[in-house]
Amino acid sequence: MALSKEYEKVLASIKVASGNDPNKPEFPPESPKFPSSPTYQIKIPGFSNVWLKDESVNPTGTHKDRMAWGLVVIYRDFLLANKRG
């Protein structure tokens, strides 16, 4: 089954570097790294090992960026499945 030109263009625009491999991260798409957001150890009275994950560096400043990227990757899988028929 062939995809329309529009869907082929969308499919070509979704670049996925890897799948769940911390040695080959896929998020954020333009500068993949693991962990994708910086983490900082902070001191909280009564706790011994607390880390802060700074999601403000994500493109929209939210942790939901990774979830949205996951949906884009799933959409890519659907397009590939349709292309294969």
Protein backbone atom coordinates (compact mmCIF):
# COMPACT_ATOMS: atom_id res chain seq x y z
CA MET A 1 0.00 0.00 0.00
CA ALA A 2 1.45 3.34 -0.97
CA LEU A 3 1.25 6.40 1.24
CA SER A 4 0.10 9.72 -0.17
CA LYS A 5 2.79 12.31 -0.85
CA GLU A 6 1.64 14.22 2.23
CA TYR A 7 2.05 11.17 4.49
CA GLU A 8 5.41 10.30 2.90
CA LYS A 9 6.56 13.83 3.75
CA VAL A 10 5.38 13.44 7.36
CA LEU A 11 7.06 10.03 7.63
CA ALA A 12 10.35 11.39 6.28
CA SER A 13 10.27 14.24 8.82
CA ILE A 14 10.17 11.91 11.85
CA LYS A 15 13.76 10.99 12.72
CA VAL A 16 14.11 8.35 15.42
CA ALA A 17 17.65 7.66 16.54
CA SER A 18 16.98 4.55 18.64
CA GLY A 19 14.43 2.79 20.76
CA ASN A 20 14.89 2.72 24.55
CA ASP A 21 18.68 2.53 24.44
CA PRO A 22 20.36 4.94 26.91
CA ASN A 23 23.56 4.63 24.87
CA LYS A 24 21.70 5.92 21.78
CA PRO A 25 19.06 8.33 23.14
CA GLU A 26 16.29 9.69 20.92
CA PHE A 27 15.04 12.68 22.92
CA PRO A 28 15.09 15.61 22.51
CA PRO A 29 15.06 15.04 18.73
CA GLU A 30 17.44 17.90 17.84
CA SER A 31 20.04 17.12 20.52
CA PRO A 32 19.45 13.64 21.95
CA LYS A 33 21.02 12.85 25.31
CA PHE A 34 20.42 10.64 28.34
CA PRO A 35 19.04 11.70 30.67
CA SER A 36 17.24 14.12 28.40
CA SER A 37 16.89 16.72 31.16
CA PRO A 38 19.65 17.73 33.57
CA THR A 39 19.43 16.40 37.12
CA TYR A 40 20.81 17.98 40.27
CA GLN A 41 21.24 16.46 43.71
CA ILE A 42 19.61 18.70 46.32
CA LYS A 43 19.50 18.65 50.11
CA ILE A 44 16.11 18.18 51.78
CA PRO A 45 16.06 17.82 55.58
CA GLY A 46 15.08 14.28 56.55
CA PHE A 47 16.02 12.76 53.17
CA SER A 48 19.39 11.39 52.09
CA ASN A 49 19.22 11.07 48.32
CA VAL A 50 17.01 13.61 46.51
CA TRP A 51 17.45 14.64 42.88
CA LEU A 52 15.77 17.47 40.98
CA LYS A 53 15.04 16.89 37.28
CA ASP A 54 15.04 20.22 35.43
CA GLU A 55 12.32 19.91 32.80
CA SER A 56 12.50 23.64 31.97
CA VAL A 57 15.10 22.91 29.28
CA ASN A 58 12.58 20.90 27.22
CA PRO A 59 11.31 22.65 24.07
CA THR A 60 8.04 23.66 25.73
CA GLY A 61 9.33 23.60 29.32
CA THR A 62 7.30 20.58 30.39
CA HIS A 63 7.83 16.89 31.14
CA LYS A 64 5.05 16.14 28.66
CA ASP A 65 7.49 16.68 25.77
CA ARG A 66 8.77 13.10 26.11
CA MET A 67 5.24 11.71 26.17
CA ALA A 68 4.36 13.71 23.05
CA TRP A 69 7.53 12.47 21.35
CA GLY A 70 6.49 8.90 22.21
CA LEU A 71 3.18 9.49 20.44
CA VAL A 72 5.00 10.85 17.38
CA VAL A 73 7.12 7.67 17.29
CA ILE A 74 3.96 5.52 17.54
CA TYR A 75 2.40 7.53 14.68
CA ARG A 76 5.56 6.86 12.64
CA ASP A 77 5.11 3.13 13.32
CA PHE A 78 1.51 3.35 12.06
CA LEU A 79 2.67 5.10 8.87
CA LEU A 80 5.34 2.43 8.31
CA ALA A 81 2.78 -0.34 8.87
CA ASN A 82 0.38 1.28 6.36
CA LYS A 83 3.22 1.65 3.87
CA ARG A 84 3.96 -2.09 4.22
CA GLY A 85 0.27 -2.85 3.73
